[in-house]
N, C-alpha and C. Protein backbone atom coordinates (compact mmCIF):
# COMPACT_ATOMS: atom_id res chain seq x y z
N MET A 1 10.18 37.92 -15.17
CA MET A 1 9.33 37.86 -16.34
C MET A 1 8.57 39.18 -16.43
N LEU A 2 8.78 39.92 -17.51
CA LEU A 2 8.12 41.20 -17.69
C LEU A 2 6.97 41.05 -18.69
N ILE A 3 5.77 41.36 -18.24
CA ILE A 3 4.59 41.29 -19.09
C ILE A 3 3.87 42.62 -18.93
N THR A 4 3.77 43.38 -20.02
CA THR A 4 3.23 44.73 -19.90
C THR A 4 1.81 44.88 -20.45
N THR A 5 1.34 43.92 -21.25
CA THR A 5 -0.01 44.01 -21.81
C THR A 5 -0.64 42.63 -21.89
N LYS A 6 -1.93 42.60 -22.19
CA LYS A 6 -2.62 41.33 -22.40
C LYS A 6 -2.04 40.59 -23.60
N LEU A 7 -1.63 41.33 -24.61
CA LEU A 7 -1.03 40.70 -25.79
C LEU A 7 0.31 40.06 -25.43
N ASP A 8 1.10 40.72 -24.56
CA ASP A 8 2.35 40.11 -24.07
C ASP A 8 2.04 38.80 -23.33
N SER A 9 0.98 38.83 -22.53
CA SER A 9 0.58 37.65 -21.78
C SER A 9 0.26 36.50 -22.72
N ASP A 10 -0.53 36.76 -23.74
CA ASP A 10 -0.88 35.71 -24.71
C ASP A 10 0.36 35.13 -25.38
N ALA A 11 1.28 36.01 -25.78
CA ALA A 11 2.50 35.56 -26.44
C ALA A 11 3.36 34.72 -25.50
N LYS A 12 3.44 35.13 -24.23
CA LYS A 12 4.26 34.41 -23.25
C LYS A 12 3.66 33.02 -22.97
N ILE A 13 2.35 32.96 -22.85
CA ILE A 13 1.68 31.67 -22.62
C ILE A 13 2.00 30.70 -23.75
N LYS A 14 1.94 31.18 -24.97
CA LYS A 14 2.24 30.32 -26.12
C LYS A 14 3.72 29.96 -26.17
N SER A 15 4.61 30.93 -25.93
CA SER A 15 6.05 30.67 -26.05
C SER A 15 6.54 29.70 -24.97
N LEU A 16 5.92 29.72 -23.81
CA LEU A 16 6.30 28.80 -22.73
C LEU A 16 5.63 27.43 -22.88
N ARG A 17 4.76 27.33 -23.90
CA ARG A 17 4.01 26.10 -24.16
C ARG A 17 3.16 25.68 -22.96
N LEU A 18 2.54 26.69 -22.34
CA LEU A 18 1.61 26.42 -21.24
C LEU A 18 0.31 25.88 -21.83
N ASN A 19 -0.53 25.34 -20.97
CA ASN A 19 -1.82 24.82 -21.42
C ASN A 19 -2.82 25.97 -21.51
N TYR A 20 -3.43 26.14 -22.66
CA TYR A 20 -4.40 27.21 -22.86
C TYR A 20 -5.49 26.73 -23.81
N SER A 21 -6.57 27.46 -23.85
CA SER A 21 -7.64 27.18 -24.80
C SER A 21 -7.20 27.74 -26.15
N PRO A 22 -7.33 26.95 -27.23
CA PRO A 22 -6.87 27.44 -28.54
C PRO A 22 -7.47 28.80 -28.87
N PHE A 23 -6.59 29.74 -29.24
CA PHE A 23 -7.05 31.09 -29.58
C PHE A 23 -6.10 31.73 -30.57
N LYS A 24 -6.57 32.80 -31.15
CA LYS A 24 -5.72 33.62 -32.01
C LYS A 24 -6.12 35.06 -31.79
N VAL A 25 -5.11 35.92 -31.61
CA VAL A 25 -5.36 37.34 -31.53
C VAL A 25 -5.48 37.84 -32.97
N VAL A 26 -6.59 38.49 -33.25
CA VAL A 26 -6.84 38.97 -34.61
C VAL A 26 -6.95 40.49 -34.61
N TYR A 27 -6.64 41.06 -35.75
CA TYR A 27 -6.62 42.52 -35.88
C TYR A 27 -7.59 43.05 -36.94
N ALA A 28 -8.29 42.12 -37.59
CA ALA A 28 -9.24 42.54 -38.63
C ALA A 28 -10.34 41.49 -38.78
N LYS A 29 -11.46 41.92 -39.34
CA LYS A 29 -12.63 41.06 -39.51
C LYS A 29 -12.30 39.79 -40.29
N GLU A 30 -11.57 39.90 -41.38
CA GLU A 30 -11.26 38.74 -42.21
C GLU A 30 -10.46 37.69 -41.44
N GLU A 31 -9.52 38.17 -40.64
CA GLU A 31 -8.71 37.26 -39.80
C GLU A 31 -9.60 36.51 -38.81
N ALA A 32 -10.52 37.23 -38.19
CA ALA A 32 -11.44 36.63 -37.22
C ALA A 32 -12.31 35.57 -37.89
N LEU A 33 -12.86 35.89 -39.04
CA LEU A 33 -13.73 34.95 -39.75
C LEU A 33 -12.96 33.70 -40.17
N THR A 34 -11.73 33.86 -40.62
CA THR A 34 -10.90 32.72 -41.03
C THR A 34 -10.63 31.79 -39.85
N PHE A 35 -10.29 32.36 -38.69
CA PHE A 35 -9.97 31.53 -37.54
C PHE A 35 -11.21 30.81 -37.00
N VAL A 36 -12.36 31.46 -37.03
CA VAL A 36 -13.61 30.83 -36.57
C VAL A 36 -13.85 29.54 -37.32
N GLU A 37 -13.53 29.52 -38.60
CA GLU A 37 -13.74 28.32 -39.41
C GLU A 37 -12.82 27.17 -38.99
N LYS A 38 -11.68 27.47 -38.35
CA LYS A 38 -10.68 26.46 -38.02
C LYS A 38 -10.86 25.80 -36.65
N ILE A 39 -11.66 26.41 -35.76
CA ILE A 39 -11.76 25.88 -34.40
C ILE A 39 -13.13 25.25 -34.14
N ASN A 40 -13.17 24.47 -33.08
CA ASN A 40 -14.41 23.79 -32.70
C ASN A 40 -15.32 24.70 -31.90
N GLU A 41 -16.59 24.36 -31.90
CA GLU A 41 -17.57 25.07 -31.05
C GLU A 41 -17.46 24.53 -29.64
N PRO A 42 -17.90 25.28 -28.65
CA PRO A 42 -18.37 26.66 -28.73
C PRO A 42 -17.20 27.63 -28.91
N ILE A 43 -17.52 28.83 -29.34
CA ILE A 43 -16.53 29.85 -29.66
C ILE A 43 -16.74 31.06 -28.77
N GLY A 44 -15.64 31.67 -28.37
CA GLY A 44 -15.70 32.90 -27.58
C GLY A 44 -14.89 33.99 -28.26
N ILE A 45 -15.24 35.24 -27.97
CA ILE A 45 -14.49 36.39 -28.48
C ILE A 45 -14.28 37.35 -27.32
N ARG A 46 -13.04 37.81 -27.16
CA ARG A 46 -12.73 38.76 -26.10
C ARG A 46 -11.90 39.91 -26.64
N GLU A 47 -12.32 41.12 -26.31
CA GLU A 47 -11.58 42.33 -26.69
C GLU A 47 -10.28 42.37 -25.89
N LYS A 48 -9.17 42.67 -26.55
CA LYS A 48 -7.85 42.58 -25.92
C LYS A 48 -7.14 43.91 -25.71
N ARG A 49 -7.79 45.01 -26.00
CA ARG A 49 -7.10 46.30 -25.86
C ARG A 49 -6.85 46.66 -24.41
N THR A 50 -7.76 46.27 -23.53
CA THR A 50 -7.64 46.61 -22.11
C THR A 50 -8.02 45.41 -21.25
N GLY A 51 -7.65 45.44 -19.98
CA GLY A 51 -8.07 44.41 -19.05
C GLY A 51 -9.57 44.43 -18.88
N GLY A 52 -10.16 43.25 -18.72
CA GLY A 52 -11.60 43.17 -18.50
C GLY A 52 -12.41 43.57 -19.73
N GLY A 53 -11.84 43.38 -20.93
CA GLY A 53 -12.54 43.73 -22.17
C GLY A 53 -13.79 42.89 -22.37
N GLN A 54 -14.65 43.35 -23.27
CA GLN A 54 -15.91 42.67 -23.55
C GLN A 54 -15.65 41.20 -23.88
N LEU A 55 -16.49 40.32 -23.34
CA LEU A 55 -16.35 38.88 -23.54
C LEU A 55 -17.69 38.32 -23.96
N ILE A 56 -17.70 37.60 -25.07
CA ILE A 56 -18.89 36.91 -25.55
C ILE A 56 -18.55 35.43 -25.58
N ARG A 57 -19.35 34.60 -24.91
CA ARG A 57 -19.04 33.17 -24.79
C ARG A 57 -20.16 32.31 -25.37
N ARG A 58 -19.81 31.04 -25.55
CA ARG A 58 -20.75 29.99 -25.92
C ARG A 58 -21.50 30.25 -27.23
N MET A 59 -20.76 30.60 -28.27
CA MET A 59 -21.37 30.84 -29.58
C MET A 59 -21.12 29.65 -30.51
N THR A 60 -22.09 29.38 -31.37
CA THR A 60 -21.87 28.44 -32.46
C THR A 60 -21.03 29.15 -33.51
N LYS A 61 -20.55 28.40 -34.51
CA LYS A 61 -19.79 29.05 -35.59
C LYS A 61 -20.63 30.12 -36.26
N GLN A 62 -21.90 29.81 -36.54
CA GLN A 62 -22.74 30.77 -37.24
C GLN A 62 -23.00 32.01 -36.38
N GLN A 63 -23.22 31.81 -35.08
CA GLN A 63 -23.41 32.97 -34.19
C GLN A 63 -22.15 33.84 -34.15
N ALA A 64 -20.97 33.20 -34.13
CA ALA A 64 -19.70 33.95 -34.12
C ALA A 64 -19.54 34.74 -35.42
N ILE A 65 -19.84 34.11 -36.54
CA ILE A 65 -19.74 34.79 -37.84
C ILE A 65 -20.70 35.98 -37.89
N ASP A 66 -21.94 35.75 -37.44
CA ASP A 66 -22.93 36.84 -37.42
C ASP A 66 -22.47 37.97 -36.50
N PHE A 67 -21.89 37.61 -35.34
CA PHE A 67 -21.43 38.62 -34.39
C PHE A 67 -20.28 39.45 -34.99
N ILE A 68 -19.32 38.76 -35.62
CA ILE A 68 -18.18 39.45 -36.21
C ILE A 68 -18.64 40.42 -37.31
N ASN A 69 -19.64 40.00 -38.06
CA ASN A 69 -20.15 40.84 -39.15
C ASN A 69 -21.11 41.93 -38.67
N SER A 70 -21.52 41.90 -37.41
CA SER A 70 -22.49 42.86 -36.90
C SER A 70 -21.83 44.14 -36.40
N ASP A 71 -22.66 45.12 -36.08
CA ASP A 71 -22.14 46.37 -35.51
C ASP A 71 -21.86 46.23 -34.02
N LYS A 72 -22.11 45.05 -33.44
CA LYS A 72 -21.84 44.80 -32.02
C LYS A 72 -20.41 44.31 -31.80
N MET A 73 -19.70 44.06 -32.87
CA MET A 73 -18.35 43.50 -32.77
C MET A 73 -17.47 44.36 -31.89
N VAL A 74 -16.70 43.69 -31.03
CA VAL A 74 -15.77 44.38 -30.15
C VAL A 74 -14.66 45.04 -30.97
N GLU A 75 -13.93 45.94 -30.35
CA GLU A 75 -12.83 46.60 -31.04
C GLU A 75 -11.66 45.63 -31.21
N TYR A 76 -10.89 45.85 -32.26
CA TYR A 76 -9.69 45.03 -32.48
C TYR A 76 -8.52 45.68 -31.77
N PRO A 77 -7.51 44.95 -31.32
CA PRO A 77 -7.40 43.51 -31.46
C PRO A 77 -8.33 42.78 -30.49
N CYS A 78 -8.66 41.55 -30.86
CA CYS A 78 -9.45 40.71 -29.97
C CYS A 78 -8.96 39.27 -30.13
N ALA A 79 -9.35 38.45 -29.18
CA ALA A 79 -9.00 37.03 -29.25
C ALA A 79 -10.24 36.25 -29.63
N VAL A 80 -10.08 35.39 -30.60
CA VAL A 80 -11.12 34.44 -30.98
C VAL A 80 -10.61 33.10 -30.45
N TYR A 81 -11.43 32.40 -29.71
CA TYR A 81 -10.93 31.18 -29.08
C TYR A 81 -12.00 30.11 -28.96
N GLN A 82 -11.49 28.88 -28.79
CA GLN A 82 -12.38 27.77 -28.51
C GLN A 82 -12.78 27.88 -27.05
N ASP A 83 -14.05 28.07 -26.82
CA ASP A 83 -14.57 28.31 -25.47
C ASP A 83 -14.65 27.01 -24.69
N VAL A 84 -14.03 26.96 -23.52
CA VAL A 84 -14.08 25.75 -22.69
C VAL A 84 -15.20 25.81 -21.66
N SER A 85 -16.11 26.77 -21.80
CA SER A 85 -17.19 26.90 -20.82
C SER A 85 -18.08 25.65 -20.78
N GLU A 86 -18.06 24.85 -21.84
CA GLU A 86 -18.82 23.60 -21.84
C GLU A 86 -18.31 22.67 -20.74
N THR A 87 -17.06 22.83 -20.34
CA THR A 87 -16.49 21.97 -19.31
C THR A 87 -16.69 22.55 -17.91
N ASP A 88 -17.52 23.58 -17.80
CA ASP A 88 -17.77 24.19 -16.49
C ASP A 88 -18.21 23.17 -15.44
N THR A 89 -18.93 22.15 -15.85
CA THR A 89 -19.36 21.14 -14.88
C THR A 89 -18.17 20.37 -14.33
N LYS A 90 -17.06 20.40 -15.05
CA LYS A 90 -15.83 19.70 -14.63
C LYS A 90 -14.84 20.63 -13.93
N LEU A 91 -15.20 21.92 -13.79
CA LEU A 91 -14.33 22.87 -13.10
C LEU A 91 -14.30 22.55 -11.62
N ILE A 92 -13.10 22.41 -11.07
CA ILE A 92 -12.94 22.18 -9.63
C ILE A 92 -12.80 23.52 -8.93
N TYR A 93 -11.88 24.34 -9.41
CA TYR A 93 -11.73 25.69 -8.89
C TYR A 93 -10.99 26.54 -9.89
N GLN A 94 -11.05 27.83 -9.70
CA GLN A 94 -10.32 28.78 -10.54
C GLN A 94 -9.76 29.86 -9.64
N GLY A 95 -8.75 30.55 -10.13
CA GLY A 95 -8.18 31.58 -9.27
C GLY A 95 -6.96 32.24 -9.87
N GLU A 96 -6.24 32.89 -8.99
CA GLU A 96 -4.98 33.51 -9.37
C GLU A 96 -3.99 33.30 -8.23
N ILE A 97 -2.72 33.16 -8.62
CA ILE A 97 -1.68 32.88 -7.64
C ILE A 97 -0.42 33.67 -8.00
N PHE A 98 0.33 34.03 -6.98
CA PHE A 98 1.58 34.77 -7.16
C PHE A 98 2.64 34.13 -6.29
N ILE A 99 3.79 33.83 -6.89
CA ILE A 99 4.94 33.31 -6.14
C ILE A 99 6.04 34.36 -6.24
N ASP A 100 6.44 34.89 -5.11
CA ASP A 100 7.45 35.94 -5.05
C ASP A 100 8.84 35.31 -5.23
N GLY A 101 9.56 35.77 -6.25
CA GLY A 101 10.87 35.21 -6.55
C GLY A 101 11.95 35.58 -5.56
N THR A 102 11.75 36.65 -4.78
CA THR A 102 12.80 37.05 -3.85
C THR A 102 12.74 36.29 -2.53
N ASN A 103 11.53 35.97 -2.07
CA ASN A 103 11.44 35.29 -0.77
C ASN A 103 10.64 33.99 -0.81
N GLY A 104 10.09 33.63 -1.97
CA GLY A 104 9.35 32.38 -2.10
C GLY A 104 7.95 32.40 -1.53
N HIS A 105 7.48 33.56 -1.08
CA HIS A 105 6.13 33.62 -0.52
C HIS A 105 5.09 33.38 -1.61
N ILE A 106 4.01 32.72 -1.21
CA ILE A 106 2.93 32.36 -2.12
C ILE A 106 1.66 33.01 -1.64
N ALA A 107 0.94 33.65 -2.57
CA ALA A 107 -0.34 34.28 -2.22
C ALA A 107 -1.28 34.11 -3.41
N GLY A 108 -2.56 34.11 -3.13
CA GLY A 108 -3.53 34.00 -4.20
C GLY A 108 -4.96 33.94 -3.69
N ARG A 109 -5.88 33.69 -4.61
CA ARG A 109 -7.30 33.56 -4.30
C ARG A 109 -7.86 32.40 -5.11
N LEU A 110 -8.80 31.67 -4.52
CA LEU A 110 -9.46 30.55 -5.18
C LEU A 110 -10.96 30.72 -5.09
N SER A 111 -11.66 30.20 -6.10
CA SER A 111 -13.11 30.23 -6.10
C SER A 111 -13.64 28.92 -6.69
N TYR A 112 -14.75 28.46 -6.15
CA TYR A 112 -15.41 27.27 -6.67
C TYR A 112 -16.60 27.64 -7.56
N VAL A 113 -16.81 28.93 -7.81
CA VAL A 113 -17.94 29.40 -8.60
C VAL A 113 -17.70 29.07 -10.07
N LYS A 114 -18.73 28.53 -10.72
CA LYS A 114 -18.63 28.13 -12.12
C LYS A 114 -19.40 29.11 -13.00
N SER A 115 -19.17 29.00 -14.29
CA SER A 115 -19.90 29.75 -15.32
C SER A 115 -19.63 31.25 -15.32
N ILE A 116 -18.54 31.68 -14.71
CA ILE A 116 -18.12 33.08 -14.81
C ILE A 116 -16.60 33.10 -15.03
N SER A 117 -16.10 34.23 -15.50
CA SER A 117 -14.67 34.33 -15.76
C SER A 117 -13.89 34.31 -14.44
N VAL A 118 -12.62 34.00 -14.54
CA VAL A 118 -11.76 33.99 -13.35
C VAL A 118 -11.75 35.38 -12.72
N ARG A 119 -11.60 36.40 -13.53
CA ARG A 119 -11.55 37.77 -13.00
C ARG A 119 -12.81 38.10 -12.23
N ALA A 120 -13.98 37.75 -12.76
CA ALA A 120 -15.25 38.00 -12.07
C ALA A 120 -15.32 37.20 -10.77
N ALA A 121 -14.84 35.96 -10.80
CA ALA A 121 -14.86 35.13 -9.60
C ALA A 121 -13.99 35.72 -8.50
N MET A 122 -12.86 36.32 -8.87
CA MET A 122 -11.94 36.88 -7.88
C MET A 122 -12.51 38.12 -7.19
N LEU A 123 -13.51 38.73 -7.77
CA LEU A 123 -14.14 39.91 -7.17
C LEU A 123 -15.27 39.55 -6.21
N ARG A 124 -15.65 38.30 -6.16
CA ARG A 124 -16.76 37.88 -5.31
C ARG A 124 -16.31 37.71 -3.85
N ASP A 125 -17.26 37.86 -2.95
CA ASP A 125 -16.97 37.71 -1.52
C ASP A 125 -16.77 36.26 -1.10
N ASP A 126 -17.25 35.31 -1.90
CA ASP A 126 -17.18 33.90 -1.48
C ASP A 126 -15.91 33.18 -1.95
N CYS A 127 -14.95 33.89 -2.53
CA CYS A 127 -13.69 33.23 -2.84
C CYS A 127 -12.80 33.31 -1.61
N PHE A 128 -11.80 32.45 -1.53
CA PHE A 128 -10.97 32.48 -0.33
C PHE A 128 -9.51 32.74 -0.68
N ASP A 129 -8.83 33.39 0.25
CA ASP A 129 -7.43 33.76 0.08
C ASP A 129 -6.53 32.61 0.49
N ILE A 130 -5.41 32.50 -0.20
CA ILE A 130 -4.38 31.56 0.18
C ILE A 130 -3.09 32.34 0.39
N ALA A 131 -2.37 32.02 1.42
CA ALA A 131 -1.10 32.68 1.69
C ALA A 131 -0.23 31.74 2.50
N TYR A 132 0.98 31.53 2.01
CA TYR A 132 1.94 30.67 2.70
C TYR A 132 3.27 31.39 2.71
N GLY A 133 4.02 31.21 3.77
CA GLY A 133 5.33 31.83 3.85
C GLY A 133 6.21 31.41 2.70
N THR A 134 6.32 30.12 2.47
CA THR A 134 7.14 29.60 1.38
C THR A 134 6.53 28.30 0.89
N TYR A 135 6.99 27.85 -0.26
CA TYR A 135 6.54 26.58 -0.80
C TYR A 135 6.90 25.44 0.16
N HIS A 136 8.09 25.49 0.73
CA HIS A 136 8.50 24.46 1.69
C HIS A 136 7.53 24.43 2.88
N ASN A 137 7.16 25.61 3.38
CA ASN A 137 6.22 25.70 4.49
C ASN A 137 4.86 25.11 4.09
N MET A 138 4.43 25.39 2.86
CA MET A 138 3.17 24.84 2.39
C MET A 138 3.23 23.32 2.36
N LEU A 139 4.32 22.76 1.85
CA LEU A 139 4.45 21.30 1.79
C LEU A 139 4.50 20.69 3.18
N TYR A 140 5.17 21.37 4.11
CA TYR A 140 5.25 20.89 5.48
C TYR A 140 3.84 20.75 6.07
N HIS A 141 3.04 21.78 5.91
CA HIS A 141 1.68 21.73 6.44
C HIS A 141 0.83 20.70 5.71
N TRP A 142 1.05 20.57 4.41
CA TRP A 142 0.28 19.62 3.62
C TRP A 142 0.55 18.20 4.08
N ASP A 143 1.83 17.85 4.26
CA ASP A 143 2.19 16.49 4.68
C ASP A 143 1.82 16.25 6.14
N ARG A 144 2.06 17.21 6.99
CA ARG A 144 1.91 17.01 8.42
C ARG A 144 0.46 16.94 8.87
N ARG A 145 -0.39 17.76 8.33
CA ARG A 145 -1.77 17.84 8.81
C ARG A 145 -2.77 17.08 7.97
N ARG A 146 -2.30 16.45 6.87
CA ARG A 146 -3.24 15.84 5.93
C ARG A 146 -4.32 16.85 5.61
N CYS A 147 -3.85 17.93 5.15
CA CYS A 147 -4.54 19.21 5.03
C CYS A 147 -5.90 19.18 4.35
N SER A 148 -6.47 20.36 4.33
CA SER A 148 -7.78 20.56 3.69
C SER A 148 -7.64 20.37 2.19
N MET A 149 -8.78 20.16 1.54
CA MET A 149 -8.81 19.99 0.09
C MET A 149 -8.23 21.22 -0.59
N GLY A 150 -8.51 22.42 -0.08
CA GLY A 150 -8.02 23.64 -0.69
C GLY A 150 -6.51 23.67 -0.76
N LEU A 151 -5.84 23.29 0.30
CA LEU A 151 -4.38 23.30 0.33
C LEU A 151 -3.81 22.25 -0.62
N ARG A 152 -4.42 21.07 -0.66
CA ARG A 152 -3.97 20.04 -1.59
C ARG A 152 -4.10 20.52 -3.03
N ARG A 153 -5.20 21.18 -3.31
CA ARG A 153 -5.41 21.67 -4.67
C ARG A 153 -4.46 22.82 -5.00
N CYS A 154 -4.12 23.62 -4.02
CA CYS A 154 -3.15 24.70 -4.24
C CYS A 154 -1.82 24.11 -4.64
N LYS A 155 -1.48 22.98 -4.09
CA LYS A 155 -0.20 22.34 -4.41
C LYS A 155 -0.10 22.06 -5.90
N ALA A 156 -1.19 21.66 -6.54
CA ALA A 156 -1.17 21.36 -7.98
C ALA A 156 -0.80 22.61 -8.79
N ILE A 157 -1.41 23.74 -8.49
CA ILE A 157 -1.11 24.95 -9.27
C ILE A 157 0.28 25.49 -8.91
N VAL A 158 0.69 25.38 -7.65
CA VAL A 158 2.03 25.83 -7.28
C VAL A 158 3.08 24.96 -7.99
N ASP A 159 2.86 23.65 -8.03
CA ASP A 159 3.78 22.77 -8.76
C ASP A 159 3.85 23.16 -10.23
N TYR A 160 2.71 23.49 -10.82
CA TYR A 160 2.66 23.90 -12.23
C TYR A 160 3.46 25.19 -12.43
N CYS A 161 3.26 26.15 -11.54
CA CYS A 161 3.99 27.42 -11.63
C CYS A 161 5.49 27.20 -11.50
N CYS A 162 5.90 26.33 -10.60
CA CYS A 162 7.33 26.04 -10.42
C CYS A 162 7.90 25.32 -11.64
N LYS A 163 7.15 24.38 -12.19
CA LYS A 163 7.60 23.62 -13.36
C LYS A 163 7.91 24.56 -14.54
N TYR A 164 7.07 25.59 -14.72
CA TYR A 164 7.24 26.49 -15.86
C TYR A 164 7.88 27.83 -15.46
N ASN A 165 8.39 27.91 -14.23
CA ASN A 165 9.05 29.12 -13.74
C ASN A 165 8.15 30.36 -13.85
N LEU A 166 6.90 30.21 -13.44
CA LEU A 166 5.94 31.32 -13.46
C LEU A 166 6.04 32.06 -12.12
N ILE A 167 7.15 32.76 -11.97
CA ILE A 167 7.50 33.44 -10.73
C ILE A 167 7.43 34.95 -10.97
N ASP A 168 7.05 35.68 -9.93
CA ASP A 168 6.97 37.15 -9.99
C ASP A 168 5.93 37.66 -10.99
N CYS A 169 4.89 36.89 -11.19
CA CYS A 169 3.76 37.36 -11.99
C CYS A 169 2.49 36.68 -11.45
N ILE A 170 1.38 37.33 -11.64
CA ILE A 170 0.10 36.74 -11.25
C ILE A 170 -0.31 35.76 -12.34
N VAL A 171 -0.64 34.54 -11.95
CA VAL A 171 -1.05 33.50 -12.88
C VAL A 171 -2.55 33.29 -12.69
N GLU A 172 -3.31 33.57 -13.74
CA GLU A 172 -4.76 33.39 -13.71
C GLU A 172 -5.05 32.03 -14.34
N PHE A 173 -5.77 31.15 -13.63
CA PHE A 173 -5.91 29.76 -14.07
C PHE A 173 -7.27 29.18 -13.72
N SER A 174 -7.56 28.04 -14.34
CA SER A 174 -8.70 27.19 -13.96
C SER A 174 -8.16 25.78 -13.81
N TYR A 175 -8.75 25.04 -12.86
CA TYR A 175 -8.34 23.67 -12.59
C TYR A 175 -9.55 22.76 -12.78
N TYR A 176 -9.43 21.79 -13.69
CA TYR A 176 -10.54 20.92 -14.06
C TYR A 176 -10.29 19.48 -13.61
N SER A 177 -11.36 18.71 -13.51
CA SER A 177 -11.23 17.29 -13.16
C SER A 177 -10.92 16.45 -14.40
N VAL A 178 -10.96 17.07 -15.57
CA VAL A 178 -10.66 16.38 -16.82
C VAL A 178 -9.61 17.20 -17.60
N PRO A 179 -8.86 16.55 -18.46
CA PRO A 179 -7.90 17.29 -19.28
C PRO A 179 -8.62 18.21 -20.28
N VAL A 180 -8.09 19.41 -20.44
CA VAL A 180 -8.62 20.41 -21.38
C VAL A 180 -7.45 21.11 -22.05
N GLY A 181 -7.73 21.95 -23.03
CA GLY A 181 -6.72 22.80 -23.64
C GLY A 181 -5.81 22.11 -24.63
N VAL A 182 -4.86 22.88 -25.16
CA VAL A 182 -3.97 22.39 -26.22
C VAL A 182 -3.04 21.27 -25.75
N ASN A 183 -2.73 21.23 -24.45
CA ASN A 183 -1.83 20.19 -23.93
C ASN A 183 -2.56 19.06 -23.22
N ASN A 184 -3.88 19.12 -23.21
CA ASN A 184 -4.69 18.11 -22.51
C ASN A 184 -4.25 17.93 -21.06
N GLU A 185 -4.24 19.03 -20.32
CA GLU A 185 -3.88 19.02 -18.90
C GLU A 185 -5.07 19.51 -18.09
N ASN A 186 -5.03 19.26 -16.80
CA ASN A 186 -6.13 19.68 -15.92
C ASN A 186 -6.08 21.17 -15.59
N ILE A 187 -4.91 21.78 -15.69
CA ILE A 187 -4.76 23.21 -15.40
C ILE A 187 -4.73 23.97 -16.72
N LEU A 188 -5.57 25.01 -16.80
CA LEU A 188 -5.62 25.86 -17.98
C LEU A 188 -5.20 27.26 -17.56
N ILE A 189 -4.25 27.85 -18.28
CA ILE A 189 -3.74 29.18 -17.96
C ILE A 189 -4.46 30.21 -18.84
N TRP A 190 -5.03 31.22 -18.19
CA TRP A 190 -5.76 32.27 -18.90
C TRP A 190 -4.91 33.51 -19.12
N GLU A 191 -4.14 33.87 -18.11
CA GLU A 191 -3.37 35.11 -18.24
C GLU A 191 -2.21 35.10 -17.26
N LEU A 192 -1.13 35.73 -17.69
CA LEU A 192 0.03 36.02 -16.83
C LEU A 192 0.10 37.54 -16.77
N ARG A 193 0.26 38.10 -15.58
CA ARG A 193 0.34 39.57 -15.54
C ARG A 193 1.20 40.06 -14.39
N ASN A 194 1.90 41.13 -14.68
CA ASN A 194 2.59 41.92 -13.66
C ASN A 194 2.56 43.37 -14.08
N TYR A 195 1.50 43.73 -14.79
CA TYR A 195 1.30 45.11 -15.23
C TYR A 195 0.18 45.75 -14.45
């Protein structure tokens, strides 16, 4: 799977019918204003030209409209989306995971920190690394040791990645105790990247 930009990532998430927070990449003010009217509050806006672009969260429709019309508006293209930060109390963990297609090795990072983006959480010292030789090895340890909660929870995201063939790319995700997103699933995919 080749993904070269954040826009490629957004398109791939939609084409694979993964679970995501409703969003639209917009290229002009009028497009942004039209989409804001179609989605539920709270609303978020993220600049999409580069990784780690400006992010504004938890806005009402009126705040989003005022922001779009202001001189503070981020550069286009940007994503306007239904912000799931209201479900932060239901967040179990968030992170990123990579499954190597050549040898099946699994690696990633998990964080239990709420109210910040996945990318910000991955930069913190209190997140923990996960690494397993192979999925089979992970399942062996999971069944045999009645493993830690972290390993059991990793199994859910690894199963999700395998189900949708999300191999050879970093999968940025959040895992909730309640269904969220367009597919009403517990796992929400934020980004796929190998760029």
